[in-house]
Amino acid sequence: MRINRRQKTFTGETEMIYMKKLCKSRTDRKIAGVCGGIAEYIGIDSTLVRLALVLFCLAGGSGFILYLIAALIMPEE
């Protein structure tokens, strides 16, 4: 999700600045939308983020804990 913000330049003109905000996806979600939101923020395919999550889960379970924390902390889109 992008947030628009106005900023004045040195010449006094107003220009728009686009800022990214990390949030859960409503459209690209399988469970809570965390992977879809991260993929949208980074600009990659959500399948790659989900694959990385599975690899972290298989490597000691740290991915599962990180996913739960992100699902609780990240705001909705």
PDB file of N, CA and C in Angstrom:
ATOM      1  N   MET A   1       0.842  -1.165   0.000  1.00  0.00           N
ATOM      2  CA  MET A   1       0.000   0.000   0.000  1.00  0.00           C
ATOM      3  C   MET A   1       0.891   1.232   0.000  1.00  0.00           C
ATOM      4  N   ARG A   2       0.525   2.214  -0.752  1.00  0.00           N
ATOM      5  CA  ARG A   2       1.300   3.436  -0.805  1.00  0.00           C
ATOM      6  C   ARG A   2       0.517   4.575  -0.174  1.00  0.00           C
ATOM      7  N   ILE A   3       1.214   5.388   0.553  1.00  0.00           N
ATOM      8  CA  ILE A   3       0.606   6.535   1.196  1.00  0.00           C
ATOM      9  C   ILE A   3       1.111   7.790   0.492  1.00  0.00           C
ATOM     10  N   ASN A   4       0.202   8.647   0.102  1.00  0.00           N
ATOM     11  CA  ASN A   4       0.589   9.885  -0.565  1.00  0.00           C
ATOM     12  C   ASN A   4       0.885  10.954   0.478  1.00  0.00           C
ATOM     13  N   ARG A   5       1.922  11.709   0.231  1.00  0.00           N
ATOM     14  CA  ARG A   5       2.280  12.806   1.109  1.00  0.00           C
ATOM     15  C   ARG A   5       2.758  13.973   0.258  1.00  0.00           C
ATOM     16  N   ARG A   6       2.348  15.145   0.591  1.00  0.00           N
ATOM     17  CA  ARG A   6       2.761  16.324  -0.170  1.00  0.00           C
ATOM     18  C   ARG A   6       3.996  16.947   0.464  1.00  0.00           C
ATOM     19  N   GLN A   7       4.873  17.449  -0.387  1.00  0.00           N
ATOM     20  CA  GLN A   7       6.097  18.081   0.081  1.00  0.00           C
ATOM     21  C   GLN A   7       6.360  19.301  -0.786  1.00  0.00           C
ATOM     22  N   LYS A   8       6.774  20.388  -0.153  1.00  0.00           N
ATOM     23  CA  LYS A   8       7.111  21.598  -0.898  1.00  0.00           C
ATOM     24  C   LYS A   8       8.577  21.557  -1.310  1.00  0.00           C
ATOM     25  N   THR A   9       8.829  21.992  -2.549  1.00  0.00           N
ATOM     26  CA  THR A   9      10.202  22.034  -3.047  1.00  0.00           C
ATOM     27  C   THR A   9      10.804  23.402  -2.723  1.00  0.00           C
ATOM     28  N   PHE A  10      12.060  23.589  -3.088  1.00  0.00           N
ATOM     29  CA  PHE A  10      12.736  24.856  -2.839  1.00  0.00           C
ATOM     30  C   PHE A  10      12.108  26.006  -3.630  1.00  0.00           C
ATOM     31  N   THR A  11      11.482  25.684  -4.764  1.00  0.00           N
ATOM     32  CA  THR A  11      10.866  26.725  -5.582  1.00  0.00           C
ATOM     33  C   THR A  11       9.457  27.053  -5.120  1.00  0.00           C
ATOM     34  N   GLY A  12       8.959  26.362  -4.124  1.00  0.00           N
ATOM     35  CA  GLY A  12       7.624  26.629  -3.613  1.00  0.00           C
ATOM     36  C   GLY A  12       6.548  25.744  -4.222  1.00  0.00           C
ATOM     37  N   GLU A  13       6.914  24.899  -5.175  1.00  0.00           N
ATOM     38  CA  GLU A  13       5.945  23.997  -5.797  1.00  0.00           C
ATOM     39  C   GLU A  13       5.678  22.819  -4.873  1.00  0.00           C
ATOM     40  N   THR A  14       4.518  22.218  -5.030  1.00  0.00           N
ATOM     41  CA  THR A  14       4.150  21.056  -4.228  1.00  0.00           C
ATOM     42  C   THR A  14       4.300  19.810  -5.089  1.00  0.00           C
ATOM     43  N   GLU A  15       4.961  18.805  -4.541  1.00  0.00           N
ATOM     44  CA  GLU A  15       5.106  17.537  -5.263  1.00  0.00           C
ATOM     45  C   GLU A  15       4.623  16.404  -4.364  1.00  0.00           C
ATOM     46  N   MET A  16       4.224  15.299  -4.992  1.00  0.00           N
ATOM     47  CA  MET A  16       3.728  14.132  -4.258  1.00  0.00           C
ATOM     48  C   MET A  16       4.872  13.168  -4.019  1.00  0.00           C
ATOM     49  N   ILE A  17       4.908  12.623  -2.824  1.00  0.00           N
ATOM     50  CA  ILE A  17       5.883  11.599  -2.459  1.00  0.00           C
ATOM     51  C   ILE A  17       5.106  10.324  -2.161  1.00  0.00           C
ATOM     52  N   TYR A  18       5.564   9.213  -2.689  1.00  0.00           N
ATOM     53  CA  TYR A  18       4.921   7.933  -2.447  1.00  0.00           C
ATOM     54  C   TYR A  18       5.761   7.138  -1.464  1.00  0.00           C
ATOM     55  N   MET A  19       5.167   6.782  -0.355  1.00  0.00           N
ATOM     56  CA  MET A  19       5.856   6.012   0.671  1.00  0.00           C
ATOM     57  C   MET A  19       5.198   4.640   0.764  1.00  0.00           C
ATOM     58  N   LYS A  20       6.014   3.603   0.893  1.00  0.00           N
ATOM     59  CA  LYS A  20       5.482   2.256   1.058  1.00  0.00           C
ATOM     60  C   LYS A  20       5.195   1.998   2.525  1.00  0.00           C
ATOM     61  N   LYS A  21       4.172   1.196   2.770  1.00  0.00           N
ATOM     62  CA  LYS A  21       3.829   0.812   4.130  1.00  0.00           C
ATOM     63  C   LYS A  21       3.667  -0.703   4.152  1.00  0.00           C
ATOM     64  N   LEU A  22       4.331  -1.352   5.086  1.00  0.00           N
ATOM     65  CA  LEU A  22       4.245  -2.797   5.218  1.00  0.00           C
ATOM     66  C   LEU A  22       2.946  -3.152   5.926  1.00  0.00           C
ATOM     67  N   CYS A  23       2.080  -3.890   5.239  1.00  0.00           N
ATOM     68  CA  CYS A  23       0.815  -4.310   5.833  1.00  0.00           C
ATOM     69  C   CYS A  23       0.380  -5.630   5.201  1.00  0.00           C
ATOM     70  N   LYS A  24      -0.555  -6.310   5.864  1.00  0.00           N
ATOM     71  CA  LYS A  24      -1.057  -7.583   5.362  1.00  0.00           C
ATOM     72  C   LYS A  24      -1.908  -7.357   4.120  1.00  0.00           C
ATOM     73  N   SER A  25      -1.811  -8.270   3.181  1.00  0.00           N
ATOM     74  CA  SER A  25      -2.566  -8.168   1.939  1.00  0.00           C
ATOM     75  C   SER A  25      -3.975  -8.723   2.121  1.00  0.00           C
ATOM     76  N   ARG A  26      -4.942  -8.054   1.535  1.00  0.00           N
ATOM     77  CA  ARG A  26      -6.319  -8.566   1.546  1.00  0.00           C
ATOM     78  C   ARG A  26      -6.605  -9.432   0.327  1.00  0.00           C
ATOM     79  N   THR A  27      -5.900  -9.164  -0.770  1.00  0.00           N
ATOM     80  CA  THR A  27      -6.176  -9.886  -2.005  1.00  0.00           C
ATOM     81  C   THR A  27      -5.288 -11.107  -2.202  1.00  0.00           C
ATOM     82  N   ASP A  28      -4.034 -11.037  -1.758  1.00  0.00           N
ATOM     83  CA  ASP A  28      -3.081 -12.135  -1.968  1.00  0.00           C
ATOM     84  C   ASP A  28      -2.806 -12.811  -0.633  1.00  0.00           C
ATOM     85  N   ARG A  29      -3.798 -13.533  -0.138  1.00  0.00           N
ATOM     86  CA  ARG A  29      -3.635 -14.180   1.165  1.00  0.00           C
ATOM     87  C   ARG A  29      -4.045 -15.641   1.078  1.00  0.00           C
ATOM     88  N   LYS A  30      -3.345 -16.442   1.849  1.00  0.00           N
ATOM     89  CA  LYS A  30      -3.688 -17.856   2.017  1.00  0.00           C
ATOM     90  C   LYS A  30      -4.156 -18.104   3.439  1.00  0.00           C
ATOM     91  N   ILE A  31      -3.450 -17.541   4.419  1.00  0.00           N
ATOM     92  CA  ILE A  31      -3.836 -17.692   5.826  1.00  0.00           C
ATOM     93  C   ILE A  31      -4.169 -16.321   6.413  1.00  0.00           C
ATOM     94  N   ALA A  32      -3.150 -15.487   6.603  1.00  0.00           N
ATOM     95  CA  ALA A  32      -3.383 -14.175   7.221  1.00  0.00           C
ATOM     96  C   ALA A  32      -2.972 -13.010   6.324  1.00  0.00           C
ATOM     97  N   GLY A  33      -2.356 -13.275   5.189  1.00  0.00           N
ATOM     98  CA  GLY A  33      -1.946 -12.218   4.270  1.00  0.00           C
ATOM     99  C   GLY A  33      -0.555 -11.665   4.524  1.00  0.00           C
ATOM    100  N   VAL A  34       0.191 -12.307   5.424  1.00  0.00           N
ATOM    101  CA  VAL A  34       1.523 -11.817   5.769  1.00  0.00           C
ATOM    102  C   VAL A  34       2.481 -11.956   4.588  1.00  0.00           C
ATOM    103  N   CYS A  35       2.544 -13.112   3.988  1.00  0.00           N
ATOM    104  CA  CYS A  35       3.469 -13.341   2.863  1.00  0.00           C
ATOM    105  C   CYS A  35       3.114 -12.457   1.670  1.00  0.00           C
ATOM    106  N   GLY A  36       1.829 -12.298   1.397  1.00  0.00           N
ATOM    107  CA  GLY A  36       1.403 -11.419   0.309  1.00  0.00           C
ATOM    108  C   GLY A  36       1.777  -9.974   0.565  1.00  0.00           C
ATOM    109  N   GLY A  37       1.656  -9.532   1.809  1.00  0.00           N
ATOM    110  CA  GLY A  37       2.031  -8.163   2.157  1.00  0.00           C
ATOM    111  C   GLY A  37       3.518  -7.923   2.060  1.00  0.00           C
ATOM    112  N   ILE A  38       4.305  -8.890   2.507  1.00  0.00           N
ATOM    113  CA  ILE A  38       5.762  -8.766   2.416  1.00  0.00           C
ATOM    114  C   ILE A  38       6.194  -8.753   0.953  1.00  0.00           C
ATOM    115  N   ALA A  39       5.600  -9.625   0.148  1.00  0.00           N
ATOM    116  CA  ALA A  39       5.947  -9.682  -1.269  1.00  0.00           C
ATOM    117  C   ALA A  39       5.586  -8.381  -1.978  1.00  0.00           C
ATOM    118  N   GLU A  40       4.455  -7.804  -1.651  1.00  0.00           N
ATOM    119  CA  GLU A  40       4.050  -6.535  -2.252  1.00  0.00           C
ATOM    120  C   GLU A  40       4.991  -5.408  -1.835  1.00  0.00           C
ATOM    121  N   TYR A  41       5.406  -5.410  -0.591  1.00  0.00           N
ATOM    122  CA  TYR A  41       6.318  -4.380  -0.082  1.00  0.00           C
ATOM    123  C   TYR A  41       7.681  -4.461  -0.759  1.00  0.00           C
ATOM    124  N   ILE A  42       8.193  -5.691  -0.918  1.00  0.00           N
ATOM    125  CA  ILE A  42       9.512  -5.880  -1.533  1.00  0.00           C
ATOM    126  C   ILE A  42       9.440  -5.763  -3.052  1.00  0.00           C
ATOM    127  N   GLY A  43       8.297  -6.149  -3.625  1.00  0.00           N
ATOM    128  CA  GLY A  43       8.142  -6.089  -5.071  1.00  0.00           C
ATOM    129  C   GLY A  43       8.489  -7.387  -5.769  1.00  0.00           C
ATOM    130  N   ILE A  44       8.265  -8.525  -5.091  1.00  0.00           N
ATOM    131  CA  ILE A  44       8.530  -9.826  -5.694  1.00  0.00           C
ATOM    132  C   ILE A  44       7.254 -10.660  -5.656  1.00  0.00           C
ATOM    133  N   ASP A  45       7.307 -11.834  -6.259  1.00  0.00           N
ATOM    134  CA  ASP A  45       6.168 -12.733  -6.282  1.00  0.00           C
ATOM    135  C   ASP A  45       5.954 -13.339  -4.894  1.00  0.00           C
ATOM    136  N   SER A  46       4.705 -13.454  -4.488  1.00  0.00           N
ATOM    137  CA  SER A  46       4.408 -13.966  -3.150  1.00  0.00           C
ATOM    138  C   SER A  46       4.775 -15.439  -2.996  1.00  0.00           C
ATOM    139  N   THR A  47       4.861 -16.173  -4.084  1.00  0.00           N
ATOM    140  CA  THR A  47       5.256 -17.575  -4.022  1.00  0.00           C
ATOM    141  C   THR A  47       6.682 -17.715  -3.486  1.00  0.00           C
ATOM    142  N   LEU A  48       7.558 -16.792  -3.846  1.00  0.00           N
ATOM    143  CA  LEU A  48       8.934 -16.838  -3.346  1.00  0.00           C
ATOM    144  C   LEU A  48       8.983 -16.595  -1.843  1.00  0.00           C
ATOM    145  N   VAL A  49       8.152 -15.688  -1.360  1.00  0.00           N
ATOM    146  CA  VAL A  49       8.108 -15.420   0.083  1.00  0.00           C
ATOM    147  C   VAL A  49       7.552 -16.627   0.813  1.00  0.00           C
ATOM    148  N   ARG A  50       6.528 -17.264   0.257  1.00  0.00           N
ATOM    149  CA  ARG A  50       5.949 -18.456   0.885  1.00  0.00           C
ATOM    150  C   ARG A  50       6.945 -19.610   0.892  1.00  0.00           C
ATOM    151  N   LEU A  51       7.716 -19.744  -0.177  1.00  0.00           N
ATOM    152  CA  LEU A  51       8.740 -20.785  -0.239  1.00  0.00           C
ATOM    153  C   LEU A  51       9.817 -20.544   0.819  1.00  0.00           C
ATOM    154  N   ALA A  52      10.230 -19.294   0.987  1.00  0.00           N
ATOM    155  CA  ALA A  52      11.211 -18.963   2.025  1.00  0.00           C
ATOM    156  C   ALA A  52      10.648 -19.258   3.413  1.00  0.00           C
ATOM    157  N   LEU A  53       9.366 -18.996   3.620  1.00  0.00           N
ATOM    158  CA  LEU A  53       8.727 -19.284   4.902  1.00  0.00           C
ATOM    159  C   LEU A  53       8.742 -20.781   5.190  1.00  0.00           C
ATOM    160  N   VAL A  54       8.435 -21.585   4.197  1.00  0.00           N
ATOM    161  CA  VAL A  54       8.456 -23.045   4.373  1.00  0.00           C
ATOM    162  C   VAL A  54       9.866 -23.523   4.704  1.00  0.00           C
ATOM    163  N   LEU A  55      10.859 -22.965   4.033  1.00  0.00           N
ATOM    164  CA  LEU A  55      12.244 -23.351   4.318  1.00  0.00           C
ATOM    165  C   LEU A  55      12.639 -22.982   5.744  1.00  0.00           C
ATOM    166  N   PHE A  56      12.222 -21.815   6.218  1.00  0.00           N
ATOM    167  CA  PHE A  56      12.499 -21.422   7.608  1.00  0.00           C
ATOM    168  C   PHE A  56      11.762 -22.322   8.587  1.00  0.00           C
ATOM    169  N   CYS A  57      10.538 -22.743   8.231  1.00  0.00           N
ATOM    170  CA  CYS A  57       9.793 -23.648   9.116  1.00  0.00           C
ATOM    171  C   CYS A  57      10.477 -25.010   9.219  1.00  0.00           C
ATOM    172  N   LEU A  58      11.006 -25.485   8.107  1.00  0.00           N
ATOM    173  CA  LEU A  58      11.682 -26.780   8.108  1.00  0.00           C
ATOM    174  C   LEU A  58      13.046 -26.720   8.802  1.00  0.00           C
ATOM    175  N   ALA A  59      13.621 -25.528   8.888  1.00  0.00           N
ATOM    176  CA  ALA A  59      14.938 -25.364   9.501  1.00  0.00           C
ATOM    177  C   ALA A  59      14.802 -24.944  10.962  1.00  0.00           C
ATOM    178  N   GLY A  60      14.106 -25.712  11.734  1.00  0.00           N
ATOM    179  CA  GLY A  60      14.032 -25.443  13.163  1.00  0.00           C
ATOM    180  C   GLY A  60      12.754 -24.796  13.645  1.00  0.00           C
ATOM    181  N   GLY A  61      11.861 -24.432  12.754  1.00  0.00           N
ATOM    182  CA  GLY A  61      10.582 -23.861  13.173  1.00  0.00           C
ATOM    183  C   GLY A  61      10.584 -22.370  13.409  1.00  0.00           C
ATOM    184  N   SER A  62      11.685 -21.692  13.083  1.00  0.00           N
ATOM    185  CA  SER A  62      11.734 -20.248  13.315  1.00  0.00           C
ATOM    186  C   SER A  62      10.765 -19.494  12.411  1.00  0.00           C
ATOM    187  N   GLY A  63      10.489 -20.025  11.224  1.00  0.00           N
ATOM    188  CA  GLY A  63       9.554 -19.375  10.301  1.00  0.00           C
ATOM    189  C   GLY A  63       8.151 -19.317  10.850  1.00  0.00           C
ATOM    190  N   PHE A  64       7.720 -20.355  11.541  1.00  0.00           N
ATOM    191  CA  PHE A  64       6.376 -20.391  12.121  1.00  0.00           C
ATOM    192  C   PHE A  64       6.221 -19.317  13.191  1.00  0.00           C
ATOM    193  N   ILE A  65       7.224 -19.164  14.030  1.00  0.00           N
ATOM    194  CA  ILE A  65       7.168 -18.160  15.097  1.00  0.00           C
ATOM    195  C   ILE A  65       7.184 -16.754  14.500  1.00  0.00           C
ATOM    196  N   LEU A  66       8.039 -16.523  13.499  1.00  0.00           N
ATOM    197  CA  LEU A  66       8.100 -15.214  12.854  1.00  0.00           C
ATOM    198  C   LEU A  66       6.783 -14.881  12.151  1.00  0.00           C
ATOM    199  N   TYR A  67       6.156 -15.885  11.527  1.00  0.00           N
ATOM    200  CA  TYR A  67       4.873 -15.663  10.858  1.00  0.00           C
ATOM    201  C   TYR A  67       3.797 -15.277  11.872  1.00  0.00           C
ATOM    202  N   LEU A  68       3.741 -15.958  12.998  1.00  0.00           N
ATOM    203  CA  LEU A  68       2.748 -15.629  14.016  1.00  0.00           C
ATOM    204  C   LEU A  68       2.954 -14.217  14.565  1.00  0.00           C
ATOM    205  N   ILE A  69       4.197 -13.851  14.809  1.00  0.00           N
ATOM    206  CA  ILE A  69       4.477 -12.501  15.300  1.00  0.00           C
ATOM    207  C   ILE A  69       4.068 -11.455  14.259  1.00  0.00           C
ATOM    208  N   ALA A  70       4.418 -11.708  12.994  1.00  0.00           N
ATOM    209  CA  ALA A  70       4.066 -10.763  11.927  1.00  0.00           C
ATOM    210  C   ALA A  70       2.553 -10.660  11.753  1.00  0.00           C
ATOM    211  N   ALA A  71       1.841 -11.784  11.886  1.00  0.00           N
ATOM    212  CA  ALA A  71       0.384 -11.763  11.747  1.00  0.00           C
ATOM    213  C   ALA A  71      -0.269 -10.938  12.846  1.00  0.00           C
ATOM    214  N   LEU A  72       0.331 -10.908  14.007  1.00  0.00           N
ATOM    215  CA  LEU A  72      -0.224 -10.137  15.128  1.00  0.00           C
ATOM    216  C   LEU A  72       0.159  -8.652  15.023  1.00  0.00           C
ATOM    217  N   ILE A  73       1.353  -8.367  14.529  1.00  0.00           N
ATOM    218  CA  ILE A  73       1.862  -6.986  14.525  1.00  0.00           C
ATOM    219  C   ILE A  73       1.468  -6.199  13.287  1.00  0.00           C
ATOM    220  N   MET A  74       1.519  -6.823  12.115  1.00  0.00           N
ATOM    221  CA  MET A  74       1.271  -6.088  10.855  1.00  0.00           C
ATOM    222  C   MET A  74      -0.180  -5.631  10.775  1.00  0.00           C
ATOM    223  N   PRO A  75      -0.401  -4.379  10.361  1.00  0.00           N
ATOM    224  CA  PRO A  75      -1.780  -3.888  10.208  1.00  0.00           C
ATOM    225  C   PRO A  75      -2.413  -4.410   8.921  1.00  0.00           C
ATOM    226  N   GLU A  76      -3.737  -4.371   8.866  1.00  0.00           N
ATOM    227  CA  GLU A  76      -4.464  -4.756   7.652  1.00  0.00           C
ATOM    228  C   GLU A  76      -4.273  -3.666   6.598  1.00  0.00           C
ATOM    229  N   GLU A  77      -4.447  -4.036   5.348  1.00  0.00           N
ATOM    230  CA  GLU A  77      -4.307  -3.103   4.240  1.00  0.00           C
ATOM    231  C   GLU A  77      -5.419  -2.079   4.263  1.00  0.00           C
TER     232      GLU A  77
END
